[in-house]
Amino acid sequence: MTEAVSQRLLFTGAAGQLGRLLRPRLARTGRELRLLDIAPIDSGDDGAVRLQGSVTDMALMEQACAGVDAVLHFGGLSVENTWQRVLDANINGSYVTLEAARRQGVRHVVLASSNHAIGYIPTDRGLIPADAPPRPDTNYGVSKAAMEAIGSLYADRYGMSVTAVRIGSCLERPPNARMLRTWLSPADAIRLLDAAIAAPPGFRVVWGASRNTRAWVSLEAGEAIGYFPQDDSEVFAEALLGGRGDPPPDDQMMAHVGGLWCGPDWDTAVREQAESAT
């Protein structure tokens, strides 16, 4: 006998790194997942509906949003790129996703924002609130700040519940000292998404981070919607640091929230200018 569906979720970016990490953990009895990506999504016996195409395709996105209870928008470019590509995939893609959700009557949208939306904030000023004003470190960071602004518009104008999650580093384990501060465990990511899906109407920004001993960010906004993380990156600290201790606070990786993304190697505009001159 087929289980009755009590909740349908659309998950964009399902073939990406975060999509592959999280989608098995989202599956549960009574929940139908619709997985969408511009890249092919590997097959499985999870019962999910698979759709291939771009989040910038309004007709496809309306089809994907029809009859769903919430959209988890993780689609788009996940790292720095040229302005034109970031503009299309991330900024226009966020608009299309929210507009398609509005047209289809979807009341809950969760946006995968990033710590790079505030990457240039120094790390020596105490716990950073979730709603700290944007200080993006890259084109990518600008696109996430724009995503948050579009989400705010749709929440205020149309009464939707829109939660922008400023994700730090969602991995099975943190690979370096900086990510001991920004780590979001996959299990806590699911706790956060479940809380955001159930959040009341309105716009909010929350940190996508676990309850890390060395945290740079405040979890207060997430707790206000019922997100109570249970994991702590400190369990990896000894093995990761090997008794060497943390890099100094003025180390390029540690001085700003965006880490190395604030450094010269990520100056996309200068690099594009140099390439065009050759």
Protein backbone atom coordinates (compact mmCIF):
# COMPACT_ATOMS: atom_id res chain seq x y z
CA MET A 1 0.00 0.00 0.00
CA THR A 2 1.40 3.43 -1.01
CA GLU A 3 2.00 5.88 1.82
CA ALA A 4 -0.16 9.01 1.66
CA VAL A 5 1.82 12.14 0.87
CA SER A 6 1.44 14.77 3.59
CA GLN A 7 4.18 17.16 2.45
CA ARG A 8 5.80 17.95 -0.89
CA LEU A 9 9.13 19.73 -1.08
CA LEU A 10 10.91 21.09 -4.13
CA PHE A 11 14.68 20.97 -3.74
CA THR A 12 16.61 22.92 -6.39
CA GLY A 13 20.32 22.28 -6.88
CA ALA A 14 19.78 18.63 -5.99
CA ALA A 15 22.76 17.40 -8.05
CA GLY A 16 25.21 19.77 -6.36
CA GLN A 17 27.49 19.06 -3.44
CA LEU A 18 24.99 20.18 -0.81
CA GLY A 19 22.13 18.59 -2.70
CA ARG A 20 23.81 15.19 -2.71
CA LEU A 21 24.71 15.56 0.95
CA LEU A 22 21.30 16.61 2.22
CA ARG A 23 18.63 15.06 0.05
CA PRO A 24 18.90 11.51 1.50
CA ARG A 25 18.51 13.03 4.95
CA LEU A 26 15.39 14.97 3.90
CA ALA A 27 13.52 11.84 2.92
CA ARG A 28 10.94 10.52 5.36
CA THR A 29 7.60 8.77 5.46
CA GLY A 30 4.81 10.90 4.02
CA ARG A 31 7.18 13.42 2.39
CA GLU A 32 7.56 13.66 -1.38
CA LEU A 33 10.72 15.24 -2.74
CA ARG A 34 10.93 16.92 -6.11
CA LEU A 35 14.58 17.21 -7.11
CA LEU A 36 15.62 19.74 -9.73
CA ASP A 37 18.99 20.61 -11.23
CA ILE A 38 20.42 21.74 -14.54
CA ALA A 39 22.76 18.73 -14.31
CA PRO A 40 21.54 15.12 -14.36
CA ILE A 41 20.50 13.85 -10.94
CA ASP A 42 21.66 10.35 -10.13
CA SER A 43 18.85 7.83 -9.92
CA GLY A 44 17.82 6.14 -6.71
CA ASP A 45 15.06 4.21 -4.98
CA ASP A 46 14.03 7.20 -2.83
CA GLY A 47 10.75 7.72 -4.69
CA ALA A 48 11.67 11.31 -5.50
CA VAL A 49 10.47 13.06 -8.65
CA ARG A 50 13.45 14.19 -10.75
CA LEU A 51 13.37 17.25 -13.01
CA GLN A 52 16.21 18.54 -15.17
CA GLY A 53 16.49 22.18 -16.17
CA SER A 54 17.49 25.65 -15.09
CA VAL A 55 16.12 27.66 -12.20
CA THR A 56 15.98 30.56 -14.68
CA ASP A 57 13.28 28.78 -16.74
CA MET A 58 9.98 30.22 -15.49
CA ALA A 59 7.75 27.62 -17.17
CA LEU A 60 9.78 24.76 -15.70
CA MET A 61 9.88 26.36 -12.27
CA GLU A 62 6.12 26.89 -12.24
CA GLN A 63 5.68 23.23 -13.14
CA ALA A 64 8.10 22.22 -10.40
CA CYS A 65 6.37 24.44 -7.80
CA ALA A 66 2.84 23.28 -8.56
CA GLY A 67 1.31 21.62 -5.51
CA VAL A 68 4.38 21.81 -3.27
CA ASP A 69 4.32 22.97 0.33
CA ALA A 70 7.82 24.46 0.41
CA VAL A 71 10.76 25.23 -1.84
CA LEU A 72 14.34 24.66 -0.71
CA HIS A 73 16.31 26.81 -3.14
CA PHE A 74 19.91 25.57 -3.38
CA GLY A 75 20.21 25.98 -7.16
CA GLY A 76 22.71 28.21 -8.95
CA LEU A 77 26.47 28.63 -8.93
CA SER A 78 28.03 27.56 -5.64
CA VAL A 79 31.39 29.32 -6.05
CA GLU A 80 32.77 32.54 -7.51
CA ASN A 81 32.34 33.15 -11.23
CA THR A 82 32.06 35.94 -13.79
CA TRP A 83 29.53 38.68 -13.13
CA GLN A 84 27.33 37.68 -16.08
CA ARG A 85 27.08 34.04 -15.04
CA VAL A 86 26.45 34.94 -11.38
CA LEU A 87 23.82 37.50 -12.43
CA ASP A 88 21.91 34.95 -14.48
CA ALA A 89 22.18 31.79 -12.40
CA ASN A 90 22.09 33.22 -8.88
CA ILE A 91 20.29 36.57 -8.97
CA ASN A 92 17.84 35.99 -11.81
CA GLY A 93 17.51 32.35 -10.72
CA SER A 94 16.47 33.46 -7.23
CA TYR A 95 13.89 35.86 -8.66
CA VAL A 96 12.44 33.20 -10.97
CA THR A 97 12.26 30.67 -8.13
CA LEU A 98 10.42 33.05 -5.79
CA GLU A 99 8.11 34.33 -8.51
CA ALA A 100 7.25 30.79 -9.64
CA ALA A 101 6.55 29.87 -6.01
CA ARG A 102 4.28 32.91 -5.64
CA ARG A 103 2.36 32.09 -8.82
CA GLN A 104 1.79 28.54 -7.64
CA GLY A 105 0.72 29.52 -4.13
CA VAL A 106 3.74 28.12 -2.29
CA ARG A 107 3.84 29.68 1.17
CA HIS A 108 7.30 28.61 2.40
CA VAL A 109 10.64 29.22 0.67
CA VAL A 110 14.05 28.53 2.17
CA LEU A 111 16.98 30.26 0.46
CA ALA A 112 20.51 28.92 0.62
CA SER A 113 22.41 32.13 1.29
CA SER A 114 26.02 32.18 2.41
CA ASN A 115 28.52 33.61 4.88
CA HIS A 116 30.08 35.22 1.80
CA ALA A 117 27.19 37.70 1.77
CA ILE A 118 28.93 39.27 4.78
CA GLY A 119 32.43 37.96 4.04
CA TYR A 120 34.26 41.24 4.74
CA ILE A 121 33.01 41.51 8.32
CA PRO A 122 36.02 41.21 10.67
CA THR A 123 35.99 38.24 13.00
CA ASP A 124 37.21 40.11 16.11
CA ARG A 125 33.95 41.84 17.02
CA GLY A 126 32.15 39.17 19.01
CA LEU A 127 29.35 36.92 17.81
CA ILE A 128 27.95 38.19 14.53
CA PRO A 129 24.14 38.42 14.42
CA ALA A 130 22.35 36.63 11.61
CA ASP A 131 20.92 39.86 10.21
CA ALA A 132 24.27 41.67 9.98
CA PRO A 133 24.15 44.02 6.95
CA PRO A 134 25.70 42.69 3.74
CA ARG A 135 29.45 43.09 3.20
CA PRO A 136 29.97 40.66 0.31
CA ASP A 137 33.43 39.45 -0.60
CA THR A 138 32.89 38.38 -4.24
CA ASN A 139 30.40 38.40 -7.11
CA TYR A 140 29.03 35.26 -5.51
CA GLY A 141 28.65 37.06 -2.18
CA VAL A 142 26.80 39.92 -3.91
CA SER A 143 24.42 37.38 -5.46
CA LYS A 144 23.60 35.97 -2.03
CA ALA A 145 22.94 39.46 -0.65
CA ALA A 146 20.65 40.07 -3.64
CA MET A 147 18.93 36.74 -3.01
CA GLU A 148 18.17 37.85 0.54
CA ALA A 149 16.78 41.18 -0.72
CA ILE A 150 14.49 39.45 -3.22
CA GLY A 151 13.32 37.08 -0.49
CA SER A 152 12.54 40.03 1.77
CA LEU A 153 10.45 41.62 -0.97
CA TYR A 154 8.40 38.47 -1.52
CA ALA A 155 7.81 37.95 2.19
CA ASP A 156 6.70 41.55 2.77
CA ARG A 157 4.65 42.03 -0.37
CA TYR A 158 3.02 38.61 -0.64
CA GLY A 159 2.91 37.37 2.94
CA MET A 160 5.15 34.38 2.29
CA SER A 161 7.45 32.72 4.80
CA VAL A 162 10.97 33.23 3.47
CA THR A 163 14.00 32.12 5.45
CA ALA A 164 17.48 32.95 4.16
CA VAL A 165 20.08 30.63 5.65
CA ARG A 166 23.60 32.07 5.70
CA ILE A 167 25.39 28.75 5.37
CA GLY A 168 28.91 28.58 6.71
CA SER A 169 30.57 25.28 5.76
CA CYS A 170 28.20 22.32 5.42
CA LEU A 171 30.42 19.25 5.23
CA GLU A 172 30.71 15.92 6.98
CA ARG A 173 33.65 17.38 8.92
CA PRO A 174 35.51 20.72 8.92
CA PRO A 175 38.81 20.60 6.94
CA ASN A 176 40.61 23.60 8.47
CA ALA A 177 40.79 25.98 11.42
CA ARG A 178 38.47 28.57 9.89
CA MET A 179 35.74 26.00 9.36
CA LEU A 180 35.85 25.01 13.01
CA ARG A 181 34.05 28.38 13.38
CA THR A 182 31.63 28.10 10.45
CA TRP A 183 30.84 24.37 10.33
CA LEU A 184 27.26 23.17 9.82
CA SER A 185 26.88 19.44 10.27
CA PRO A 186 24.54 17.68 7.83
CA ALA A 187 22.34 16.56 10.74
CA ASP A 188 22.02 20.13 12.01
CA ALA A 189 21.35 21.32 8.45
CA ILE A 190 18.28 19.08 8.36
CA ARG A 191 17.17 20.36 11.77
CA LEU A 192 17.48 23.90 10.44
CA LEU A 193 15.61 23.19 7.19
CA ASP A 194 12.79 21.51 9.12
CA ALA A 195 12.51 24.57 11.38
CA ALA A 196 12.56 26.96 8.41
CA ILE A 197 9.88 24.98 6.55
CA ALA A 198 7.58 25.41 9.56
CA ALA A 199 8.42 29.07 10.23
CA PRO A 200 5.58 31.65 10.31
CA PRO A 201 5.05 34.23 7.55
CA GLY A 202 7.69 36.91 7.25
CA PHE A 203 11.30 37.27 6.24
CA ARG A 204 14.23 36.24 8.41
CA VAL A 205 17.92 35.57 8.07
CA VAL A 206 19.43 32.79 10.20
CA TRP A 207 22.90 31.39 10.47
CA GLY A 208 23.53 27.94 9.02
CA ALA A 209 26.01 26.84 11.66
CA SER A 210 26.24 24.18 14.33
CA ARG A 211 26.70 24.87 18.04
CA ASN A 212 30.45 25.29 17.65
CA THR A 213 32.64 26.07 20.64
CA ARG A 214 34.76 28.44 18.49
CA ALA A 215 31.80 30.05 16.73
CA TRP A 216 31.97 33.46 15.06
CA VAL A 217 28.19 33.72 14.70
CA SER A 218 25.10 34.00 16.87
CA LEU A 219 22.46 31.26 16.77
CA GLU A 220 19.77 33.44 18.35
CA ALA A 221 17.74 34.03 15.18
CA GLY A 222 17.66 30.31 14.40
CA GLU A 223 16.57 29.45 17.91
CA ALA A 224 13.67 31.89 17.51
CA ILE A 225 12.18 29.59 14.83
CA GLY A 226 12.96 26.37 16.68
CA TYR A 227 16.45 25.53 15.39
CA PHE A 228 18.52 24.04 18.20
CA PRO A 229 21.73 22.55 16.76
CA GLN A 230 23.25 19.60 18.55
CA ASP A 231 26.68 19.21 16.96
CA ASP A 232 29.98 20.95 17.73
CA SER A 233 33.06 21.09 15.48
CA GLU A 234 35.27 20.91 18.56
CA VAL A 235 35.24 17.10 18.35
CA PHE A 236 37.46 17.48 15.26
CA ALA A 237 39.77 20.18 16.62
CA GLU A 238 42.55 18.06 18.10
CA ALA A 239 42.89 15.82 15.06
CA LEU A 240 42.68 18.79 12.69
CA LEU A 241 45.09 21.15 14.46
CA GLY A 242 47.49 18.50 15.70
CA GLY A 243 48.42 20.51 18.77
CA ARG A 244 49.61 23.43 16.64
CA GLY A 245 46.89 25.78 17.80
CA ASP A 246 44.91 28.20 15.66
CA PRO A 247 46.46 30.48 13.06
CA PRO A 248 46.90 34.05 14.39
CA PRO A 249 43.82 36.31 14.19
CA ASP A 250 45.39 38.43 11.46
CA ASP A 251 46.01 35.40 9.23
CA GLN A 252 44.25 35.96 5.89
CA MET A 253 42.10 32.89 6.49
CA MET A 254 41.00 34.10 9.92
CA ALA A 255 40.72 37.90 9.76
CA HIS A 256 37.37 38.08 7.97
CA VAL A 257 34.34 35.81 7.86
CA GLY A 258 34.95 35.13 4.16
CA GLY A 259 38.45 33.85 4.83
CA LEU A 260 40.62 33.51 1.73
CA TRP A 261 37.74 34.76 -0.43
CA CYS A 262 38.66 38.25 0.84
CA GLY A 263 42.16 37.90 -0.56
CA PRO A 264 43.63 38.87 -3.95
CA ASP A 265 43.21 35.42 -5.51
CA TRP A 266 39.43 35.96 -5.57
CA ASP A 267 39.48 39.35 -7.33
CA THR A 268 37.38 38.23 -10.28
CA ALA A 269 36.99 41.68 -11.86
CA VAL A 270 40.76 42.27 -12.03
CA ARG A 271 41.34 38.75 -13.34
CA GLU A 272 38.72 39.20 -16.09
CA GLN A 273 40.24 42.54 -17.07
CA ALA A 274 43.69 40.98 -17.34
CA GLU A 275 42.38 38.05 -19.40
CA SER A 276 40.54 40.34 -21.80
CA ALA A 277 43.72 42.35 -22.42
CA THR A 278 45.72 39.32 -23.56
